[in-house]
Amino acid sequence: MKLGIVGLPNVGKSTLFNAITGTANAQAANYPFCTIEPNTGIVAVPDERLDKLSALWKTDKKTPAVVEFTDIAGLVKGASQGAGLGNKFLGHIRECDAIIHVVRCFDDDNITHVVEDATKPVPVDPEGDIECIDLELIFSDLEMAQNRLAKNAKAVKAGNKDAKVEVEVLEKLIAHLEEGKSARTFEYDETDEAIAKMMKELGLLSAKSIIYACNMDDDGVADPTANEYYQIVKGRADLEGAEVIPICAKTEEELSELSEEDREMFMEDLGLTESGLDRLIKASYSLLGLISFLTDGKKECRAWTIKKGTKAPQAAGKIHSDFERGFIRAQVIAYDDLMAADFDYQAVKAKGQQRTEGKEYIVKDGDIIEFLFNV
């Protein structure tokens, strides 16, 4: 599962990517298109539950869940018609499962703000910036939908009834997109398997789930609600049901380069209990519809990634295919129950809070599981 980091040039995408991956793989520079090929990094998902279990067991190995991020070069106005390096970049977005849209929410005369022409800097405008990116995605989607409509129109003339239903939905989708509305806000019957399949095949860019990362200065992050730019982005996100995370990409990059001890001291000086980066990574994991179940022991404590709604046998299959094929039952302890018992496993069992679950059990986030199987 992959998240693409997108935005206009010079909004802090590569700086944020450097912070997320804890490396300097992505070149951050004050000029557009300094990122030509997408940089990709695999990142551990912060999980205090796994940290606690690992400390309790004094485990030999701690294995966190991971998520993949791709730093995609800055889009500009006209990208869907090939402006800048647009078509190539739109293709990179198409390969991602969800989007982190970095929006500049600070003023700095030393950093050029580019929307359409790199030689013509313009004032910072979060609303306009978001609309610029959205419209390029929408224009690309509109072309995809129109091509599909033309193909299905021929099938309707040939008497294909299924194609007629698709045409009706496509016409509504096209009208929706032509109003400048993203596919995320387009409503259709998701229970209709044929229509749901068609929408998936279209691979609409503006339908991808999104997090808005407001790149701010230190003062802005300290009190986001007092930042006018942040409020603009939040208002836009609320209409879409999207999440907004305030973050200072430059500070997060500096934090990522420090030792754990120095990082904690720096955060304490800033009055932070959790970095914006950790919140962004956690939110990204959730945005992809992912949760973690845990296995624990002296040999290894591990967070296993599954989709929400996964049943116990399929979760067991994440560990080994034999576990799923020979699944008998799962012994489950909810992490919150263990924490409430002060991490006393015997006390949890004595209270009957270690449950025996069968094949229909839907695994919950934070379940600590031992699988029993026979092959």
Protein backbone atom coordinates (compact mmCIF):
# COMPACT_ATOMS: atom_id res chain seq x y z
CA MET A 1 0.00 0.00 0.00
CA LYS A 2 1.48 3.31 -1.12
CA LEU A 3 0.84 6.98 -0.35
CA GLY A 4 1.85 9.70 -2.76
CA ILE A 5 3.04 13.06 -1.42
CA VAL A 6 1.77 15.73 -3.81
CA GLY A 7 1.50 19.50 -4.04
CA LEU A 8 2.70 22.52 -5.95
CA PRO A 9 6.47 23.06 -6.36
CA ASN A 10 8.35 24.40 -3.32
CA VAL A 11 5.63 23.68 -0.74
CA GLY A 12 7.89 21.34 1.26
CA LYS A 13 7.09 17.90 -0.20
CA SER A 14 10.68 16.69 -0.44
CA THR A 15 11.57 18.16 2.95
CA LEU A 16 8.63 16.28 4.44
CA PHE A 17 9.64 13.11 2.62
CA ASN A 18 13.18 13.44 4.01
CA ALA A 19 11.73 13.74 7.50
CA ILE A 20 9.37 10.78 7.02
CA THR A 21 12.08 8.47 5.76
CA GLY A 22 14.78 9.87 8.05
CA THR A 23 17.07 10.26 5.06
CA ALA A 24 18.15 12.92 2.61
CA ASN A 25 17.27 10.83 -0.43
CA ALA A 26 14.93 13.45 -1.83
CA GLN A 27 16.68 16.61 -2.93
CA ALA A 28 15.03 19.65 -1.36
CA ALA A 29 15.79 22.84 -3.23
CA ASN A 30 14.20 26.19 -3.91
CA TYR A 31 13.31 25.56 -7.53
CA PRO A 32 10.50 23.63 -9.24
CA PHE A 33 10.94 20.06 -10.51
CA CYS A 34 13.97 19.31 -8.30
CA THR A 35 12.26 15.95 -7.85
CA ILE A 36 12.00 14.35 -11.29
CA GLU A 37 11.70 10.63 -10.57
CA PRO A 38 9.58 9.72 -7.55
CA ASN A 39 11.54 8.86 -4.40
CA THR A 40 10.10 5.98 -2.40
CA GLY A 41 10.65 5.08 1.24
CA ILE A 42 9.37 2.35 3.55
CA VAL A 43 8.52 3.80 6.96
CA ALA A 44 7.78 2.19 10.33
CA VAL A 45 4.39 3.07 11.81
CA PRO A 46 4.81 4.41 15.38
CA ASP A 47 2.97 2.10 17.80
CA GLU A 48 3.20 2.64 21.56
CA ARG A 49 1.51 -0.73 22.12
CA LEU A 50 4.30 -2.59 20.34
CA ASP A 51 6.91 -0.55 22.23
CA LYS A 52 5.33 -1.49 25.56
CA LEU A 53 5.07 -5.21 24.77
CA SER A 54 8.66 -5.28 23.52
CA ALA A 55 9.85 -3.69 26.76
CA LEU A 56 7.82 -6.12 28.87
CA TRP A 57 9.20 -9.19 27.11
CA LYS A 58 12.70 -7.75 26.68
CA THR A 59 12.20 -9.16 23.22
CA ASP A 60 15.04 -10.17 20.92
CA LYS A 61 13.33 -8.50 17.95
CA LYS A 62 10.73 -5.78 17.48
CA THR A 63 9.05 -5.60 14.08
CA PRO A 64 6.67 -2.69 13.45
CA ALA A 65 4.07 -2.28 10.73
CA VAL A 66 5.28 -0.29 7.74
CA VAL A 67 3.80 1.99 5.11
CA GLU A 68 5.27 3.16 1.80
CA PHE A 69 5.57 6.82 0.83
CA THR A 70 6.40 8.24 -2.60
CA ASP A 71 7.61 11.81 -3.10
CA ILE A 72 6.04 13.00 -6.35
CA ALA A 73 7.39 16.07 -8.09
CA GLY A 74 5.41 19.32 -7.97
CA LEU A 75 2.41 19.68 -10.22
CA VAL A 76 1.64 23.02 -11.85
CA LYS A 77 -1.42 24.50 -13.51
CA GLY A 78 -1.90 22.78 -16.87
CA ALA A 79 -0.26 19.51 -15.79
CA SER A 80 -3.13 17.45 -17.22
CA GLN A 81 -2.30 18.97 -20.63
CA GLY A 82 1.40 18.25 -20.15
CA ALA A 83 2.56 21.51 -18.52
CA GLY A 84 5.75 21.14 -16.50
CA LEU A 85 6.26 17.40 -16.36
CA GLY A 86 2.59 16.91 -15.61
CA ASN A 87 1.53 13.80 -17.47
CA LYS A 88 4.43 11.82 -16.04
CA PHE A 89 3.66 12.97 -12.52
CA LEU A 90 -0.04 12.23 -12.86
CA GLY A 91 0.96 8.70 -13.80
CA HIS A 92 2.96 8.42 -10.59
CA ILE A 93 -0.10 9.53 -8.59
CA ARG A 94 -2.20 6.90 -10.37
CA GLU A 95 0.08 4.21 -8.93
CA CYS A 96 -0.61 5.35 -5.34
CA ASP A 97 -3.46 4.15 -3.11
CA ALA A 98 -3.99 7.47 -1.32
CA ILE A 99 -2.65 11.02 -1.28
CA ILE A 100 -0.95 13.35 1.16
CA HIS A 101 -1.49 16.84 -0.24
CA VAL A 102 1.11 19.23 1.18
CA VAL A 103 -0.22 22.78 1.33
CA ARG A 104 2.00 25.76 2.11
CA CYS A 105 0.62 27.68 5.10
CA PHE A 106 3.39 30.18 5.84
CA ASP A 107 4.88 33.30 4.28
CA ASP A 108 8.56 33.51 3.35
CA ASP A 109 9.85 35.87 0.68
CA ASN A 110 12.96 33.70 0.28
CA ILE A 111 10.95 30.72 -0.98
CA THR A 112 9.32 31.09 -4.39
CA HIS A 113 5.63 30.25 -4.53
CA VAL A 114 4.90 28.69 -7.91
CA VAL A 115 1.47 27.88 -9.32
CA GLU A 116 1.76 28.08 -13.11
CA ASP A 117 4.98 29.79 -14.21
CA ALA A 118 8.27 29.32 -12.34
CA THR A 119 9.33 32.83 -13.40
CA LYS A 120 6.22 34.40 -11.86
CA PRO A 121 6.04 33.97 -8.07
CA VAL A 122 2.60 34.62 -6.58
CA PRO A 123 1.30 35.16 -3.03
CA VAL A 124 0.59 32.16 -0.81
CA ASP A 125 -3.03 31.07 -1.32
CA PRO A 126 -3.97 27.70 0.25
CA GLU A 127 -7.47 27.64 -1.22
CA GLY A 128 -6.20 28.45 -4.71
CA ASP A 129 -3.33 25.98 -4.35
CA ILE A 130 -5.67 23.14 -3.41
CA GLU A 131 -8.03 23.98 -6.27
CA CYS A 132 -5.10 24.08 -8.71
CA ILE A 133 -4.03 20.53 -7.83
CA ASP A 134 -7.62 19.27 -7.62
CA LEU A 135 -8.50 20.65 -11.04
CA GLU A 136 -5.52 18.95 -12.68
CA LEU A 137 -6.62 15.63 -11.16
CA ILE A 138 -10.23 16.32 -12.16
CA PHE A 139 -9.26 17.18 -15.76
CA SER A 140 -7.34 13.92 -15.99
CA ASP A 141 -10.35 12.02 -14.57
CA LEU A 142 -12.69 13.78 -16.97
CA GLU A 143 -10.67 12.51 -19.92
CA MET A 144 -10.77 8.95 -18.52
CA ALA A 145 -14.53 9.11 -17.97
CA GLN A 146 -15.22 10.56 -21.43
CA ASN A 147 -13.15 7.86 -23.11
CA ARG A 148 -15.05 5.18 -21.20
CA LEU A 149 -18.36 6.82 -22.12
CA ALA A 150 -17.49 6.84 -25.82
CA LYS A 151 -16.59 3.15 -25.66
CA ASN A 152 -19.80 2.23 -23.83
CA ALA A 153 -21.98 4.35 -26.11
CA LYS A 154 -20.99 2.06 -28.97
CA ALA A 155 -21.88 -0.98 -26.86
CA VAL A 156 -25.31 0.50 -26.07
CA LYS A 157 -26.03 0.89 -29.78
CA ALA A 158 -25.15 -2.78 -30.14
CA GLY A 159 -27.82 -3.62 -27.55
CA ASN A 160 -25.64 -4.18 -24.48
CA LYS A 161 -27.92 -3.54 -21.45
CA ASP A 162 -25.07 -3.52 -18.93
CA ALA A 163 -23.34 -0.81 -20.93
CA LYS A 164 -26.52 1.30 -20.77
CA VAL A 165 -26.38 1.32 -16.94
CA GLU A 166 -22.72 2.30 -17.04
CA VAL A 167 -23.46 5.12 -19.48
CA GLU A 168 -26.04 6.59 -17.09
CA VAL A 169 -23.52 6.63 -14.23
CA LEU A 170 -20.74 7.97 -16.44
CA GLU A 171 -22.89 10.84 -17.67
CA LYS A 172 -23.63 11.83 -14.06
CA LEU A 173 -19.94 11.49 -13.17
CA ILE A 174 -18.87 13.66 -16.10
CA ALA A 175 -21.39 16.35 -15.15
CA HIS A 176 -20.07 16.21 -11.57
CA LEU A 177 -16.46 16.58 -12.69
CA GLU A 178 -17.31 19.37 -15.13
CA GLU A 179 -18.57 21.37 -12.15
CA GLY A 180 -15.04 21.21 -10.74
CA LYS A 181 -16.00 18.68 -8.06
CA SER A 182 -13.64 15.84 -7.18
CA ALA A 183 -14.68 12.22 -7.64
CA ARG A 184 -14.33 11.82 -3.86
CA THR A 185 -17.65 13.64 -3.49
CA PHE A 186 -19.45 11.75 -6.29
CA GLU A 187 -22.23 9.52 -4.97
CA TYR A 188 -23.20 6.27 -6.65
CA ASP A 189 -24.58 2.88 -5.64
CA GLU A 190 -21.50 1.20 -4.17
CA THR A 191 -23.50 -2.00 -3.57
CA ASP A 192 -23.89 -2.45 -7.35
CA GLU A 193 -20.93 -4.71 -8.11
CA ALA A 194 -20.81 -3.84 -11.81
CA ILE A 195 -20.75 -0.09 -11.17
CA ALA A 196 -18.28 -0.45 -8.31
CA LYS A 197 -16.04 -2.48 -10.62
CA MET A 198 -16.27 0.17 -13.34
CA MET A 199 -15.37 2.96 -10.91
CA LYS A 200 -12.39 0.97 -9.71
CA GLU A 201 -11.24 0.30 -13.28
CA LEU A 202 -11.39 4.01 -14.06
CA GLY A 203 -8.74 4.61 -11.40
CA LEU A 204 -9.90 8.17 -10.83
CA LEU A 205 -7.17 10.36 -9.33
CA SER A 206 -9.55 12.73 -7.58
CA ALA A 207 -11.33 9.76 -5.95
CA LYS A 208 -8.28 8.79 -3.91
CA SER A 209 -8.51 9.30 -0.15
CA ILE A 210 -6.56 12.32 1.03
CA ILE A 211 -4.84 13.93 4.01
CA TYR A 212 -4.00 17.61 3.89
CA ALA A 213 -0.62 18.31 5.47
CA CYS A 214 -0.43 22.00 6.35
CA ASN A 215 3.24 22.92 6.14
CA MET A 216 3.67 25.74 8.65
CA ASP A 217 6.42 27.57 10.49
CA ASP A 218 7.11 26.79 14.16
CA ASP A 219 4.77 29.51 15.39
CA GLY A 220 1.96 28.19 13.25
CA VAL A 221 2.38 24.60 14.46
CA ALA A 222 2.39 25.80 18.07
CA ASP A 223 -1.12 27.22 17.62
CA PRO A 224 -2.67 26.10 14.30
CA THR A 225 -6.10 27.49 15.10
CA ALA A 226 -4.63 31.00 15.11
CA ASN A 227 -3.22 30.51 11.60
CA GLU A 228 -5.50 31.90 8.90
CA TYR A 229 -4.07 29.60 6.22
CA TYR A 230 -4.67 26.51 8.38
CA GLN A 231 -8.30 27.51 8.94
CA ILE A 232 -8.80 27.82 5.18
CA VAL A 233 -7.45 24.31 4.56
CA LYS A 234 -9.47 22.86 7.45
CA GLY A 235 -12.67 24.38 6.10
CA ARG A 236 -12.01 22.81 2.72
CA ALA A 237 -11.14 19.43 4.26
CA ASP A 238 -14.25 19.40 6.45
CA LEU A 239 -16.41 19.63 3.34
CA GLU A 240 -14.67 16.53 1.94
CA GLY A 241 -14.51 14.60 5.21
CA ALA A 242 -10.72 14.68 4.93
CA GLU A 243 -8.17 14.94 7.72
CA VAL A 244 -5.86 17.92 8.26
CA ILE A 245 -2.53 17.70 10.07
CA PRO A 246 -0.44 20.78 10.92
CA ILE A 247 3.25 20.13 10.50
CA CYS A 248 6.51 22.03 10.15
CA ALA A 249 8.40 19.98 7.56
CA LYS A 250 11.70 21.72 8.23
CA THR A 251 11.53 21.13 12.00
CA GLU A 252 10.46 17.52 11.44
CA GLU A 253 13.44 17.01 9.13
CA GLU A 254 15.76 18.37 11.83
CA LEU A 255 14.13 16.12 14.44
CA SER A 256 14.61 13.06 12.22
CA GLU A 257 18.36 13.68 12.15
CA LEU A 258 18.72 13.71 15.96
CA SER A 259 19.39 10.82 18.32
CA GLU A 260 16.37 9.53 20.25
CA GLU A 261 17.52 11.27 23.44
CA ASP A 262 18.16 14.62 21.72
CA ARG A 263 14.90 14.31 19.82
CA GLU A 264 12.94 13.90 23.05
CA MET A 265 14.69 16.92 24.60
CA PHE A 266 14.02 19.03 21.49
CA MET A 267 10.34 18.06 21.49
CA GLU A 268 10.08 18.84 25.18
CA ASP A 269 11.54 22.31 24.54
CA LEU A 270 8.90 22.79 21.83
CA GLY A 271 6.16 21.59 24.17
CA LEU A 272 5.35 18.57 22.00
CA THR A 273 4.34 15.13 23.31
CA GLU A 274 4.13 13.66 19.81
CA SER A 275 5.69 14.89 16.60
CA GLY A 276 3.52 15.98 13.70
CA LEU A 277 5.35 13.39 11.68
CA ASP A 278 4.24 10.52 13.92
CA ARG A 279 0.65 11.74 13.69
CA LEU A 280 0.92 11.98 9.92
CA ILE A 281 2.30 8.45 9.56
CA LYS A 282 -0.41 7.01 11.84
CA ALA A 283 -3.12 8.92 9.98
CA SER A 284 -1.70 7.69 6.65
CA TYR A 285 -1.85 4.08 7.84
CA SER A 286 -5.48 4.54 8.87
CA LEU A 287 -6.30 6.35 5.61
CA LEU A 288 -5.31 3.22 3.71
CA GLY A 289 -7.87 1.28 5.74
CA LEU A 290 -5.18 -0.63 7.63
CA ILE A 291 -5.01 -1.86 11.22
CA SER A 292 -2.49 -3.91 13.18
CA PHE A 293 -2.82 -7.01 15.30
CA LEU A 294 0.05 -7.99 17.57
CA THR A 295 1.99 -11.13 18.40
CA ASP A 296 4.30 -11.08 21.40
CA GLY A 297 7.00 -13.11 23.07
CA LYS A 298 10.68 -13.17 23.99
CA LYS A 299 11.72 -14.15 20.47
CA GLU A 300 9.79 -11.40 18.70
CA CYS A 301 7.09 -8.79 19.22
CA ARG A 302 5.47 -7.81 15.95
CA ALA A 303 2.70 -5.68 14.48
CA TRP A 304 1.00 -7.37 11.52
CA THR A 305 -0.78 -5.28 8.91
CA ILE A 306 -4.27 -6.24 7.76
CA LYS A 307 -7.22 -4.45 6.16
CA LYS A 308 -10.08 -3.44 8.43
CA GLY A 309 -12.71 -6.18 8.41
CA THR A 310 -10.25 -9.06 8.02
CA LYS A 311 -11.38 -12.33 9.63
CA ALA A 312 -9.17 -14.41 11.91
CA PRO A 313 -8.10 -17.12 9.38
CA GLN A 314 -7.00 -14.52 6.82
CA ALA A 315 -5.16 -12.59 9.54
CA ALA A 316 -3.42 -15.83 10.49
CA GLY A 317 -2.43 -16.23 6.85
CA LYS A 318 -0.41 -13.01 7.12
CA ILE A 319 1.96 -14.90 9.41
CA HIS A 320 2.09 -18.06 7.30
CA SER A 321 -0.17 -19.69 4.72
CA ASP A 322 -0.22 -22.88 6.86
CA PHE A 323 -1.82 -20.87 9.68
CA GLU A 324 -4.75 -19.95 7.44
CA ARG A 325 -5.09 -23.35 5.78
CA GLY A 326 -5.07 -25.24 9.08
CA PHE A 327 -6.78 -22.60 11.23
CA ILE A 328 -8.49 -24.00 14.34
CA ARG A 329 -9.03 -20.99 16.59
CA ALA A 330 -7.48 -17.78 17.86
CA GLN A 331 -6.66 -16.88 21.46
CA VAL A 332 -7.25 -13.13 21.68
CA ILE A 333 -6.46 -10.49 24.29
CA ALA A 334 -7.48 -6.89 23.65
CA TYR A 335 -4.53 -4.58 24.29
CA ASP A 336 -6.73 -2.24 26.35
CA ASP A 337 -7.72 -5.12 28.65
CA LEU A 338 -4.06 -6.00 29.16
CA MET A 339 -3.19 -2.37 29.88
CA ALA A 340 -6.09 -2.08 32.37
CA ALA A 341 -4.68 -5.13 34.20
CA ASP A 342 -1.28 -3.41 34.45
CA PHE A 343 0.06 -5.83 31.82
CA ASP A 344 -0.47 -8.85 34.06
CA TYR A 345 -1.27 -11.68 31.63
CA GLN A 346 -2.38 -14.04 34.38
CA ALA A 347 -4.82 -11.48 35.75
CA VAL A 348 -6.32 -11.01 32.28
CA LYS A 349 -6.79 -14.76 31.89
CA ALA A 350 -8.25 -15.07 35.40
CA LYS A 351 -10.89 -12.48 34.46
CA GLY A 352 -11.78 -14.47 31.35
CA GLN A 353 -10.53 -11.67 29.11
CA GLN A 354 -8.48 -13.97 26.92
CA ARG A 355 -11.12 -14.97 24.42
CA THR A 356 -11.32 -17.98 22.12
CA GLU A 357 -12.45 -16.86 18.68
CA GLY A 358 -13.36 -18.87 15.57
CA LYS A 359 -13.31 -18.47 11.82
CA GLU A 360 -15.90 -15.67 11.67
CA TYR A 361 -14.14 -13.41 14.16
CA ILE A 362 -13.22 -10.01 12.70
CA VAL A 363 -9.85 -8.97 14.06
CA LYS A 364 -9.73 -5.65 15.91
CA ASP A 365 -6.94 -3.11 15.93
CA GLY A 366 -4.56 -3.88 18.79
CA ASP A 367 -5.67 -7.49 19.33
CA ILE A 368 -2.88 -9.62 20.77
CA ILE A 369 -3.35 -13.00 19.14
CA GLU A 370 -2.03 -16.53 19.38
CA PHE A 371 -3.26 -18.75 16.53
CA LEU A 372 -3.83 -22.48 16.86
CA PHE A 373 -3.66 -24.48 13.63
CA ASN A 374 -3.15 -27.97 12.29
CA VAL A 375 -1.93 -29.00 8.83
